[in-house]
C-alpha atoms as a PDB file:
ATOM      1  CA  UNK A   1       2.503  -8.879   2.467  1.00  0.00           C
ATOM      2  CA  UNK A   2       2.701  -7.935  -1.188  1.00  0.00           C
ATOM      3  CA  UNK A   3       0.016  -5.315  -0.855  1.00  0.00           C
ATOM      4  CA  UNK A   4       1.673  -2.051  -0.763  1.00  0.00           C
ATOM      5  CA  UNK A   5       1.519   1.655  -1.764  1.00  0.00           C
ATOM      6  CA  UNK A   6      -1.288   3.316  -3.969  1.00  0.00           C
ATOM      7  CA  UNK A   7      -2.698   6.803  -3.502  1.00  0.00           C
ATOM      8  CA  UNK A   8      -4.926   7.578  -0.544  1.00  0.00           C
ATOM      9  CA  UNK A   9      -7.841   9.185  -2.363  1.00  0.00           C
ATOM     10  CA  UNK A  10      -9.483   6.452  -4.403  1.00  0.00           C
ATOM     11  CA  UNK A  11      -7.395   3.374  -3.763  1.00  0.00           C
ATOM     12  CA  UNK A  12      -6.809   1.490  -0.554  1.00  0.00           C
ATOM     13  CA  UNK A  13      -4.132   2.974   1.688  1.00  0.00           C
ATOM     14  CA  UNK A  14      -1.653   0.107   2.029  1.00  0.00           C
ATOM     15  CA  UNK A  15       1.153   0.850   4.412  1.00  0.00           C
ATOM     16  CA  UNK A  16       4.113  -1.220   3.243  1.00  0.00           C
ATOM     17  CA  UNK A  17       4.180  -4.944   3.756  1.00  0.00           C
ATOM     18  CA  UNK A  18       3.757  -4.999   7.523  1.00  0.00           C
ATOM     19  CA  UNK A  19       0.682  -2.788   7.802  1.00  0.00           C
ATOM     20  CA  UNK A  20      -0.811  -3.469   4.396  1.00  0.00           C
ATOM     21  CA  UNK A  21      -3.753  -5.540   5.530  1.00  0.00           C
ATOM     22  CA  UNK A  22      -4.771  -3.178   8.334  1.00  0.00           C
ATOM     23  CA  UNK A  23      -5.709   0.145   6.768  1.00  0.00           C
ATOM     24  CA  UNK A  24      -7.088  -1.698   3.754  1.00  0.00           C
ATOM     25  CA  UNK A  25     -10.208  -2.155   5.889  1.00  0.00           C
ATOM     26  CA  UNK A  26     -12.700   0.237   4.468  1.00  0.00           C
ATOM     27  CA  UNK A  27     -14.803   1.730   7.271  1.00  0.00           C
ATOM     28  CA  UNK A  28     -13.667   4.005  10.051  1.00  0.00           C
ATOM     29  CA  UNK A  29     -14.784   1.483  12.666  1.00  0.00           C
ATOM     30  CA  UNK A  30     -12.880  -1.250  10.854  1.00  0.00           C
ATOM     31  CA  UNK A  31      -9.676   0.784  10.861  1.00  0.00           C
ATOM     32  CA  UNK A  32      -9.690   0.978  14.655  1.00  0.00           C
ATOM     33  CA  UNK A  33     -10.715  -2.648  15.061  1.00  0.00           C
ATOM     34  CA  UNK A  34      -8.217  -3.849  12.470  1.00  0.00           C
ATOM     35  CA  UNK A  35      -5.340  -1.803  13.847  1.00  0.00           C
ATOM     36  CA  UNK A  36      -5.934  -3.037  17.384  1.00  0.00           C
ATOM     37  CA  UNK A  37      -5.886  -6.616  16.082  1.00  0.00           C
ATOM     38  CA  UNK A  38      -3.072  -5.953  13.636  1.00  0.00           C
ATOM     39  CA  UNK A  39      -0.575  -8.339  15.200  1.00  0.00           C
ATOM     40  CA  UNK A  40      -2.918 -11.312  14.738  1.00  0.00           C
ATOM     41  CA  UNK A  41      -4.015 -10.204  11.286  1.00  0.00           C
ATOM     42  CA  UNK A  42      -0.494  -9.676  10.017  1.00  0.00           C
ATOM     43  CA  UNK A  43       0.795 -13.002  11.305  1.00  0.00           C
ATOM     44  CA  UNK A  44      -2.078 -14.640   9.459  1.00  0.00           C
ATOM     45  CA  UNK A  45      -1.127 -12.832   6.241  1.00  0.00           C
ATOM     46  CA  UNK A  46       2.553 -13.675   6.612  1.00  0.00           C
ATOM     47  CA  UNK A  47       1.730 -17.315   7.234  1.00  0.00           C
ATOM     48  CA  UNK A  48      -0.395 -17.378   4.091  1.00  0.00           C
ATOM     49  CA  UNK A  49       2.531 -16.237   1.964  1.00  0.00           C
ATOM     50  CA  UNK A  50       5.475 -17.822   3.795  1.00  0.00           C
ATOM     51  CA  UNK A  51       4.039 -20.970   5.389  1.00  0.00           C
ATOM     52  CA  UNK A  52       5.842 -20.086   8.612  1.00  0.00           C
ATOM     53  CA  UNK A  53       7.324 -22.658  10.943  1.00  0.00           C
ATOM     54  CA  UNK A  54       6.731 -22.304  14.678  1.00  0.00           C
ATOM     55  CA  UNK A  55      10.029 -20.516  15.544  1.00  0.00           C
ATOM     56  CA  UNK A  56       9.552 -18.157  12.591  1.00  0.00           C
ATOM     57  CA  UNK A  57       6.036 -17.369  13.704  1.00  0.00           C
ATOM     58  CA  UNK A  58       7.299 -16.567  17.203  1.00  0.00           C
ATOM     59  CA  UNK A  59       9.995 -14.283  15.776  1.00  0.00           C
ATOM     60  CA  UNK A  60       7.483 -12.563  13.519  1.00  0.00           C
ATOM     61  CA  UNK A  61       5.047 -12.005  16.394  1.00  0.00           C
ATOM     62  CA  UNK A  62       7.688 -10.305  18.527  1.00  0.00           C
ATOM     63  CA  UNK A  63       8.989  -8.065  15.764  1.00  0.00           C
ATOM     64  CA  UNK A  64       5.545  -7.130  14.431  1.00  0.00           C
ATOM     65  CA  UNK A  65       4.467  -6.192  17.954  1.00  0.00           C
ATOM     66  CA  UNK A  66       7.497  -3.937  18.339  1.00  0.00           C
ATOM     67  CA  UNK A  67       7.010  -2.379  14.916  1.00  0.00           C
ATOM     68  CA  UNK A  68       3.340  -1.702  15.599  1.00  0.00           C
ATOM     69  CA  UNK A  69       4.196  -0.087  18.933  1.00  0.00           C
ATOM     70  CA  UNK A  70       6.684   2.211  17.182  1.00  0.00           C
ATOM     71  CA  UNK A  71       4.188   2.938  14.421  1.00  0.00           C
ATOM     72  CA  UNK A  72       1.385   3.828  16.812  1.00  0.00           C
ATOM     73  CA  UNK A  73       3.616   5.988  18.982  1.00  0.00           C
ATOM     74  CA  UNK A  74       5.392   7.903  16.213  1.00  0.00           C
ATOM     75  CA  UNK A  75       3.407   7.814  12.960  1.00  0.00           C
ATOM     76  CA  UNK A  76      -0.351   7.899  13.434  1.00  0.00           C
ATOM     77  CA  UNK A  77      -0.607  11.556  14.444  1.00  0.00           C
ATOM     78  CA  UNK A  78       1.217  12.481  11.233  1.00  0.00           C
ATOM     79  CA  UNK A  79      -1.196  10.374   9.181  1.00  0.00           C
ATOM     80  CA  UNK A  80      -4.137  12.044  10.890  1.00  0.00           C
ATOM     81  CA  UNK A  81      -2.685  15.484  10.182  1.00  0.00           C
ATOM     82  CA  UNK A  82      -2.150  14.552   6.537  1.00  0.00           C
ATOM     83  CA  UNK A  83      -5.787  13.524   6.184  1.00  0.00           C
ATOM     84  CA  UNK A  84      -6.891  16.796   7.758  1.00  0.00           C
ATOM     85  CA  UNK A  85      -4.718  18.695   5.279  1.00  0.00           C
ATOM     86  CA  UNK A  86      -6.279  16.747   2.415  1.00  0.00           C
ATOM     87  CA  UNK A  87      -9.730  17.389   3.847  1.00  0.00           C
ATOM     88  CA  UNK A  88      -9.116  21.129   4.001  1.00  0.00           C
ATOM     89  CA  UNK A  89      -7.868  21.248   0.427  1.00  0.00           C
ATOM     90  CA  UNK A  90     -10.550  19.128  -1.226  1.00  0.00           C
ATOM     91  CA  UNK A  91     -13.293  21.229   0.329  1.00  0.00           C
ATOM     92  CA  UNK A  92     -12.402  23.804  -2.306  1.00  0.00           C
ATOM     93  CA  UNK A  93     -10.700  23.489  -5.662  1.00  0.00           C
ATOM     94  CA  UNK A  94      -7.619  21.356  -6.182  1.00  0.00           C
ATOM     95  CA  UNK A  95      -5.051  21.035  -8.954  1.00  0.00           C
ATOM     96  CA  UNK A  96      -3.212  17.937 -10.198  1.00  0.00           C
ATOM     97  CA  UNK A  97      -0.016  19.436  -8.800  1.00  0.00           C
ATOM     98  CA  UNK A  98      -1.554  19.689  -5.339  1.00  0.00           C
ATOM     99  CA  UNK A  99      -2.810  16.097  -5.541  1.00  0.00           C
ATOM    100  CA  UNK A 100       0.701  15.008  -6.551  1.00  0.00           C
ATOM    101  CA  UNK A 101       2.156  16.770  -3.507  1.00  0.00           C
ATOM    102  CA  UNK A 102      -0.199  14.880  -1.200  1.00  0.00           C
ATOM    103  CA  UNK A 103       0.743  11.642  -2.939  1.00  0.00           C
ATOM    104  CA  UNK A 104       4.412  12.432  -2.356  1.00  0.00           C
ATOM    105  CA  UNK A 105       3.755  13.007   1.342  1.00  0.00           C
ATOM    106  CA  UNK A 106       2.112   9.593   1.471  1.00  0.00           C
ATOM    107  CA  UNK A 107       5.132   8.019  -0.219  1.00  0.00           C
ATOM    108  CA  UNK A 108       7.395   9.773   2.274  1.00  0.00           C
ATOM    109  CA  UNK A 109       5.415   8.182   5.109  1.00  0.00           C
ATOM    110  CA  UNK A 110       5.751   4.792   3.453  1.00  0.00           C
ATOM    111  CA  UNK A 111       9.499   5.285   3.092  1.00  0.00           C
ATOM    112  CA  UNK A 112       9.766   6.023   6.821  1.00  0.00           C
ATOM    113  CA  UNK A 113       7.865   2.836   7.566  1.00  0.00           C
ATOM    114  CA  UNK A 114       9.993   0.854   5.139  1.00  0.00           C
ATOM    115  CA  UNK A 115      13.187   2.166   6.732  1.00  0.00           C
ATOM    116  CA  UNK A 116      12.004   0.998  10.137  1.00  0.00           C
ATOM    117  CA  UNK A 117      10.645  -2.334   8.888  1.00  0.00           C
ATOM    118  CA  UNK A 118      13.712  -3.297   6.825  1.00  0.00           C
ATOM    119  CA  UNK A 119      15.715  -4.936   9.671  1.00  0.00           C
ATOM    120  CA  UNK A 120      12.658  -6.948  10.711  1.00  0.00           C
ATOM    121  CA  UNK A 121      12.010  -8.130   7.157  1.00  0.00           C
ATOM    122  CA  UNK A 122      15.690  -9.046   6.811  1.00  0.00           C
ATOM    123  CA  UNK A 123      15.716 -10.955  10.094  1.00  0.00           C
ATOM    124  CA  UNK A 124      12.783 -13.106   9.024  1.00  0.00           C
ATOM    125  CA  UNK A 125      14.098 -13.551   5.470  1.00  0.00           C
ATOM    126  CA  UNK A 126      17.346 -14.975   6.846  1.00  0.00           C
ATOM    127  CA  UNK A 127      15.368 -17.857   8.372  1.00  0.00           C
ATOM    128  CA  UNK A 128      13.542 -18.854   5.174  1.00  0.00           C
ATOM    129  CA  UNK A 129      14.030 -22.241   3.561  1.00  0.00           C
ATOM    130  CA  UNK A 130      13.991 -23.009  -0.184  1.00  0.00           C
ATOM    131  CA  UNK A 131      10.510 -24.516   0.040  1.00  0.00           C
ATOM    132  CA  UNK A 132       9.187 -21.315   1.619  1.00  0.00           C
ATOM    133  CA  UNK A 133      10.581 -19.108  -1.144  1.00  0.00           C
ATOM    134  CA  UNK A 134       9.004 -21.497  -3.657  1.00  0.00           C
ATOM    135  CA  UNK A 135       5.731 -21.182  -1.724  1.00  0.00           C
ATOM    136  CA  UNK A 136       5.864 -17.382  -2.011  1.00  0.00           C
ATOM    137  CA  UNK A 137       6.499 -17.693  -5.743  1.00  0.00           C
ATOM    138  CA  UNK A 138       3.434 -19.902  -6.240  1.00  0.00           C
ATOM    139  CA  UNK A 139       1.217 -17.653  -4.110  1.00  0.00           C
ATOM    140  CA  UNK A 140       2.247 -14.561  -6.045  1.00  0.00           C
ATOM    141  CA  UNK A 141       1.681 -16.349  -9.343  1.00  0.00           C
ATOM    142  CA  UNK A 142      -1.840 -17.270  -8.253  1.00  0.00           C
ATOM    143  CA  UNK A 143      -2.456 -13.699  -7.072  1.00  0.00           C
ATOM    144  CA  UNK A 144      -1.292 -12.308 -10.386  1.00  0.00           C
ATOM    145  CA  UNK A 145      -3.637 -14.512 -12.394  1.00  0.00           C
ATOM    146  CA  UNK A 146      -6.553 -13.337 -10.237  1.00  0.00           C
ATOM    147  CA  UNK A 147      -5.430  -9.704 -10.481  1.00  0.00           C
ATOM    148  CA  UNK A 148      -5.222  -9.815 -14.280  1.00  0.00           C
ATOM    149  CA  UNK A 149      -8.657 -11.390 -14.524  1.00  0.00           C
ATOM    150  CA  UNK A 150     -10.270  -8.956 -12.083  1.00  0.00           C
ATOM    151  CA  UNK A 151      -8.826  -5.828 -13.678  1.00  0.00           C
ATOM    152  CA  UNK A 152      -9.000  -6.941 -17.297  1.00  0.00           C
ATOM    153  CA  UNK A 153      -5.275  -7.237 -18.068  1.00  0.00           C
ATOM    154  CA  UNK A 154      -4.338  -9.816 -20.691  1.00  0.00           C
ATOM    155  CA  UNK A 155      -0.965 -11.549 -20.571  1.00  0.00           C
ATOM    156  CA  UNK A 156      -0.089 -10.271 -24.049  1.00  0.00           C
ATOM    157  CA  UNK A 157      -1.368  -6.705 -23.657  1.00  0.00           C
ATOM    158  CA  UNK A 158      -3.363  -7.011 -26.892  1.00  0.00           C
ATOM    159  CA  UNK A 159      -6.760  -7.724 -25.331  1.00  0.00           C
ATOM    160  CA  UNK A 160      -6.833  -5.587 -22.209  1.00  0.00           C
ATOM    161  CA  UNK A 161     -10.385  -5.044 -20.940  1.00  0.00           C
ATOM    162  CA  UNK A 162     -10.606  -1.351 -20.166  1.00  0.00           C
ATOM    163  CA  UNK A 163     -14.175  -1.732 -18.930  1.00  0.00           C
ATOM    164  CA  UNK A 164     -13.106  -3.973 -16.045  1.00  0.00           C
ATOM    165  CA  UNK A 165     -10.460  -1.489 -14.988  1.00  0.00           C
ATOM    166  CA  UNK A 166     -12.838   1.449 -15.199  1.00  0.00           C
ATOM    167  CA  UNK A 167     -15.382  -0.500 -13.149  1.00  0.00           C
ATOM    168  CA  UNK A 168     -12.877  -1.162 -10.367  1.00  0.00           C
ATOM    169  CA  UNK A 169     -11.719   2.460 -10.284  1.00  0.00           C
ATOM    170  CA  UNK A 170     -15.345   3.583 -10.177  1.00  0.00           C
ATOM    171  CA  UNK A 171     -15.978   1.355  -7.151  1.00  0.00           C
ATOM    172  CA  UNK A 172     -13.068   2.945  -5.296  1.00  0.00           C
ATOM    173  CA  UNK A 173     -14.170   6.443  -6.230  1.00  0.00           C
ATOM    174  CA  UNK A 174     -17.737   5.752  -5.125  1.00  0.00           C
ATOM    175  CA  UNK A 175     -16.529   4.561  -1.743  1.00  0.00           C
ATOM    176  CA  UNK A 176     -15.281   8.102  -1.122  1.00  0.00           C
ATOM    177  CA  UNK A 177     -17.773  10.172  -3.105  1.00  0.00           C
ATOM    178  CA  UNK A 178     -20.939   8.121  -3.352  1.00  0.00           C
ATOM    179  CA  UNK A 179     -22.693   7.494  -6.660  1.00  0.00           C
ATOM    180  CA  UNK A 180     -20.773   9.052  -9.557  1.00  0.00           C
ATOM    181  CA  UNK A 181     -22.352  11.220 -12.216  1.00  0.00           C
ATOM    182  CA  UNK A 182     -22.346  10.329 -15.910  1.00  0.00           C
ATOM    183  CA  UNK A 183     -19.696  13.015 -16.423  1.00  0.00           C
ATOM    184  CA  UNK A 184     -17.431  11.483 -13.774  1.00  0.00           C
ATOM    185  CA  UNK A 185     -17.840   7.981 -15.202  1.00  0.00           C
ATOM    186  CA  UNK A 186     -16.869   9.384 -18.583  1.00  0.00           C
ATOM    187  CA  UNK A 187     -13.771  11.017 -17.069  1.00  0.00           C
ATOM    188  CA  UNK A 188     -12.678   7.657 -15.663  1.00  0.00           C
ATOM    189  CA  UNK A 189     -13.224   5.796 -18.933  1.00  0.00           C
ATOM    190  CA  UNK A 190     -11.294   8.434 -20.868  1.00  0.00           C
ATOM    191  CA  UNK A 191      -8.379   8.378 -18.424  1.00  0.00           C
ATOM    192  CA  UNK A 192      -8.176   4.571 -18.466  1.00  0.00           C
ATOM    193  CA  UNK A 193      -8.275   4.521 -22.270  1.00  0.00           C
ATOM    194  CA  UNK A 194      -5.441   7.039 -22.577  1.00  0.00           C
ATOM    195  CA  UNK A 195      -3.249   4.945 -20.267  1.00  0.00           C
ATOM    196  CA  UNK A 196      -3.649   1.807 -22.366  1.00  0.00           C
ATOM    197  CA  UNK A 197      -0.646   1.756 -24.706  1.00  0.00           C
ATOM    198  CA  UNK A 198      -0.815  -2.034 -25.026  1.00  0.00           C
ATOM    199  CA  UNK A 199       2.884  -2.488 -24.255  1.00  0.00           C
ATOM    200  CA  UNK A 200       3.404  -2.156 -20.516  1.00  0.00           C
ATOM    201  CA  UNK A 201       0.690  -2.015 -17.873  1.00  0.00           C
ATOM    202  CA  UNK A 202       0.345  -1.736 -14.119  1.00  0.00           C
ATOM    203  CA  UNK A 203      -0.052  -5.531 -14.006  1.00  0.00           C
ATOM    204  CA  UNK A 204       3.349  -5.862 -15.693  1.00  0.00           C
ATOM    205  CA  UNK A 205       4.946  -3.409 -13.256  1.00  0.00           C
ATOM    206  CA  UNK A 206       3.331  -5.153 -10.305  1.00  0.00           C
ATOM    207  CA  UNK A 207       4.778  -8.483 -11.424  1.00  0.00           C
ATOM    208  CA  UNK A 208       8.194  -6.926 -12.054  1.00  0.00           C
ATOM    209  CA  UNK A 209       8.233  -5.667  -8.454  1.00  0.00           C
ATOM    210  CA  UNK A 210       7.328  -9.118  -7.224  1.00  0.00           C
ATOM    211  CA  UNK A 211      10.134 -10.677  -9.264  1.00  0.00           C
ATOM    212  CA  UNK A 212      12.531  -8.196  -7.677  1.00  0.00           C
ATOM    213  CA  UNK A 213      11.201  -9.193  -4.260  1.00  0.00           C
ATOM    214  CA  UNK A 214      11.695 -12.889  -4.995  1.00  0.00           C
ATOM    215  CA  UNK A 215      15.264 -12.193  -6.112  1.00  0.00           C
ATOM    216  CA  UNK A 216      15.800 -10.342  -2.827  1.00  0.00           C
ATOM    217  CA  UNK A 217      14.484 -13.259  -0.772  1.00  0.00           C
ATOM    218  CA  UNK A 218      16.574 -15.754  -2.730  1.00  0.00           C
ATOM    219  CA  UNK A 219      19.741 -13.691  -2.360  1.00  0.00           C
ATOM    220  CA  UNK A 220      19.263 -13.338   1.383  1.00  0.00           C
ATOM    221  CA  UNK A 221      18.523 -17.036   1.801  1.00  0.00           C
ATOM    222  CA  UNK A 222      21.387 -18.274  -0.384  1.00  0.00           C
ATOM    223  CA  UNK A 223      24.118 -15.794   0.521  1.00  0.00           C
ATOM    224  CA  UNK A 224      23.291 -15.544   4.247  1.00  0.00           C
ATOM    225  CA  UNK A 225      24.693 -12.044   4.852  1.00  0.00           C
ATOM    226  CA  UNK A 226      24.698 -10.652   8.356  1.00  0.00           C
ATOM    227  CA  UNK A 227      21.513  -8.885   9.433  1.00  0.00           C
ATOM    228  CA  UNK A 228      22.862  -5.401   8.776  1.00  0.00           C
ATOM    229  CA  UNK A 229      23.760  -6.206   5.165  1.00  0.00           C
ATOM    230  CA  UNK A 230      20.447  -7.979   4.603  1.00  0.00           C
ATOM    231  CA  UNK A 231      18.599  -4.951   5.986  1.00  0.00           C
ATOM    232  CA  UNK A 232      20.493  -2.719   3.549  1.00  0.00           C
ATOM    233  CA  UNK A 233      19.337  -4.921   0.674  1.00  0.00           C
ATOM    234  CA  UNK A 234      15.740  -4.669   1.892  1.00  0.00           C
ATOM    235  CA  UNK A 235      16.015  -0.881   2.169  1.00  0.00           C
ATOM    236  CA  UNK A 236      17.317  -0.750  -1.391  1.00  0.00           C
ATOM    237  CA  UNK A 237      14.321  -2.752  -2.570  1.00  0.00           C
ATOM    238  CA  UNK A 238      11.937  -0.395  -0.767  1.00  0.00           C
ATOM    239  CA  UNK A 239      13.737   2.651  -2.179  1.00  0.00           C
ATOM    240  CA  UNK A 240      13.357   1.281  -5.695  1.00  0.00           C
ATOM    241  CA  UNK A 241       9.622   0.973  -5.159  1.00  0.00           C
ATOM    242  CA  UNK A 242       9.576   4.740  -4.720  1.00  0.00           C
ATOM    243  CA  UNK A 243      12.078   5.563  -7.485  1.00  0.00           C
ATOM    244  CA  UNK A 244      12.698   2.782  -9.960  1.00  0.00           C
ATOM    245  CA  UNK A 245      16.281   2.794 -11.359  1.00  0.00           C
ATOM    246  CA  UNK A 246      15.260   1.273 -14.701  1.00  0.00           C
ATOM    247  CA  UNK A 247      14.542   4.243 -17.038  1.00  0.00           C
ATOM    248  CA  UNK A 248      11.577   2.685 -18.836  1.00  0.00           C
ATOM    249  CA  UNK A 249       9.876   1.505 -15.674  1.00  0.00           C
ATOM    250  CA  UNK A 250      10.591   4.833 -13.957  1.00  0.00           C
ATOM    251  CA  UNK A 251       9.005   6.698 -16.866  1.00  0.00           C
ATOM    252  CA  UNK A 252       5.938   4.452 -16.756  1.00  0.00           C
ATOM    253  CA  UNK A 253       5.481   4.984 -13.004  1.00  0.00           C
ATOM    254  CA  UNK A 254       5.865   8.756 -13.278  1.00  0.00           C
ATOM    255  CA  UNK A 255       3.334   8.886 -16.113  1.00  0.00           C
ATOM    256  CA  UNK A 256       0.902   6.753 -14.117  1.00  0.00           C
ATOM    257  CA  UNK A 257       1.257   8.964 -11.041  1.00  0.00           C
ATOM    258  CA  UNK A 258       0.684  12.067 -13.142  1.00  0.00           C
ATOM    259  CA  UNK A 259      -2.372  10.510 -14.775  1.00  0.00           C
ATOM    260  CA  UNK A 260      -3.786   9.500 -11.381  1.00  0.00           C
ATOM    261  CA  UNK A 261      -3.284  13.002 -10.006  1.00  0.00           C
ATOM    262  CA  UNK A 262      -5.018  14.554 -13.006  1.00  0.00           C
ATOM    263  CA  UNK A 263      -7.999  12.208 -12.771  1.00  0.00           C
ATOM    264  CA  UNK A 264      -8.373  12.642  -9.013  1.00  0.00           C
ATOM    265  CA  UNK A 265      -8.326  16.428  -9.375  1.00  0.00           C
ATOM    266  CA  UNK A 266     -10.974  16.280 -12.111  1.00  0.00           C
ATOM    267  CA  UNK A 267     -13.236  14.041 -10.043  1.00  0.00           C
ATOM    268  CA  UNK A 268     -12.981  16.295  -6.993  1.00  0.00           C
ATOM    269  CA  UNK A 269     -13.537  19.462  -9.017  1.00  0.00           C
ATOM    270  CA  UNK A 270     -16.635  17.902 -10.604  1.00  0.00           C
ATOM    271  CA  UNK A 271     -18.009  16.636  -7.274  1.00  0.00           C
ATOM    272  CA  UNK A 272     -21.561  17.546  -6.333  1.00  0.00           C
ATOM    273  CA  UNK A 273     -22.314  19.099  -2.930  1.00  0.00           C
ATOM    274  CA  UNK A 274     -23.513  15.695  -1.729  1.00  0.00           C
ATOM    275  CA  UNK A 275     -20.297  14.037  -2.910  1.00  0.00           C
ATOM    276  CA  UNK A 276     -18.151  16.669  -1.222  1.00  0.00           C
ATOM    277  CA  UNK A 277     -20.049  16.106   2.012  1.00  0.00           C
ATOM    278  CA  UNK A 278     -19.499  12.342   1.734  1.00  0.00           C
ATOM    279  CA  UNK A 279     -15.779  12.796   1.056  1.00  0.00           C
ATOM    280  CA  UNK A 280     -15.426  15.211   3.960  1.00  0.00           C
ATOM    281  CA  UNK A 281     -17.161  12.775   6.305  1.00  0.00           C
ATOM    282  CA  UNK A 282     -14.869   9.911   5.262  1.00  0.00           C
ATOM    283  CA  UNK A 283     -11.688  11.929   5.640  1.00  0.00           C
ATOM    284  CA  UNK A 284     -12.787  13.407   8.968  1.00  0.00           C
ATOM    285  CA  UNK A 285     -13.649   9.951  10.287  1.00  0.00           C
ATOM    286  CA  UNK A 286     -10.331   8.431   9.264  1.00  0.00           C
ATOM    287  CA  UNK A 287      -8.383  11.361  10.695  1.00  0.00           C
ATOM    288  CA  UNK A 288     -10.236  11.121  14.007  1.00  0.00           C
ATOM    289  CA  UNK A 289      -9.750   7.364  14.210  1.00  0.00           C
ATOM    290  CA  UNK A 290      -6.021   7.578  13.537  1.00  0.00           C
ATOM    291  CA  UNK A 291      -5.626  10.301  16.163  1.00  0.00           C
ATOM    292  CA  UNK A 292      -7.586   8.203  18.671  1.00  0.00           C
ATOM    293  CA  UNK A 293      -5.494   5.120  17.915  1.00  0.00           C
ATOM    294  CA  UNK A 294      -2.333   7.107  18.571  1.00  0.00           C
ATOM    295  CA  UNK A 295      -3.631   7.987  22.039  1.00  0.00           C
ATOM    296  CA  UNK A 296      -4.911   4.550  23.009  1.00  0.00           C
ATOM    297  CA  UNK A 297      -1.606   2.736  23.411  1.00  0.00           C
ATOM    298  CA  UNK A 298      -0.907  -0.911  22.525  1.00  0.00           C
ATOM    299  CA  UNK A 299      -3.924  -3.202  22.496  1.00  0.00           C
ATOM    300  CA  UNK A 300      -4.751  -6.876  22.403  1.00  0.00           C
ATOM    301  CA  UNK A 301      -1.336  -8.411  22.655  1.00  0.00           C
ATOM    302  CA  UNK A 302       0.677  -5.667  20.994  1.00  0.00           C
ATOM    303  CA  UNK A 303       3.873  -5.128  22.951  1.00  0.00           C
ATOM    304  CA  UNK A 304       5.102  -1.924  24.487  1.00  0.00           C
ATOM    305  CA  UNK A 305       7.304   0.651  22.813  1.00  0.00           C
ATOM    306  CA  UNK A 306      10.167  -0.347  25.121  1.00  0.00           C
ATOM    307  CA  UNK A 307      10.657  -3.527  23.078  1.00  0.00           C
ATOM    308  CA  UNK A 308      11.978  -1.517  20.177  1.00  0.00           C
ATOM    309  CA  UNK A 309      15.687  -1.373  19.381  1.00  0.00           C
ATOM    310  CA  UNK A 310      17.193   1.996  20.168  1.00  0.00           C
ATOM    311  CA  UNK A 311      18.404   2.584  16.616  1.00  0.00           C
ATOM    312  CA  UNK A 312      16.307   2.251  13.434  1.00  0.00           C
END
C-alpha cells in the first residue's frame, strides 16, 4: 500500500495505494490477469501492512471491489489513450518539456484516483488499533532498510552507491527498450551522479512521506473524527504527495522530476531502431490491454458499479 506514483516510462506505474500492486506487474498478460484478480491481491497487500482483523478485511473487500468497479468503468480508457499519446510522440523526437507534460497527466490521473479512494482509506483507518499502526511502522522500517540496500542509499548520505542506483534504473529502461548501448548507460550514470548532492535523497523523501502517512493514521485513530473529516485529511495527504508544502522538499521533488524528464528524453532520442520498435510494442500492448479491461466488466469477485456511493 505504500507503493505509489513514479513516471510511466522507465519505472513501474503504481496507481496510488489501492491499485499499486496491480499495474506493477510487468507484462501485458500480467496486467490483465493482475487487474482481474486485483481485489484478492490488494487485500493480501493490505493485510501484510495492517494485519487486518476479520471485520476490517470484510470492510476492505467491499470497498476495494467498489473502487475497482469505478476505476474500470471510468479510468481505464483514459489510461489507454494516454499510452497511445505517449506512443505517438516517442516514435519521433521528444523534448524534456514534452516528457514532463506526460508525467503531469499521469499525476493528474493519480490525483483523481486519490480523490475517489480517500473516503475508503479514511473508513478503514478509523477502525485501526494501536497495535496495527505499530505494525505498519515496523513494516515500513523493514522496507526502508531493504530499499536503501537495494538502491545504494546510505543512512548518512556520505557513502551512497551510485552504481547500484544506475543498475536499477538501467534494468527499468531495458524492460522498455531492450539492451542499452554504451552511450545510454553513460547517460544514466552521468544523470545519477549529478543528482547525488549527499544531503537529501529520494530515500529520504520516501521515508518523509511515510512518516507523514503514519502521522495521518495516528491522528485518525486517536482523534476519531467523523468519516468526512478523516477523508479530508487523507485528501490533504494525497495532495501533498503531488505538491509538497515544505519548500526544501518541494524544490527537491521538482528538481528530481526535471532530471527524470531530461534523462528519459535523452534515452528515447538516442534509441536505436530496434529499441524504438520494442518500446512501441510495449506501449501498444499496454494500451490495448487497458482498453480491453475497460470493456470486460467486473471479474472474479469484483462487485458491480452500482455498489459505489453516488458522490465521490
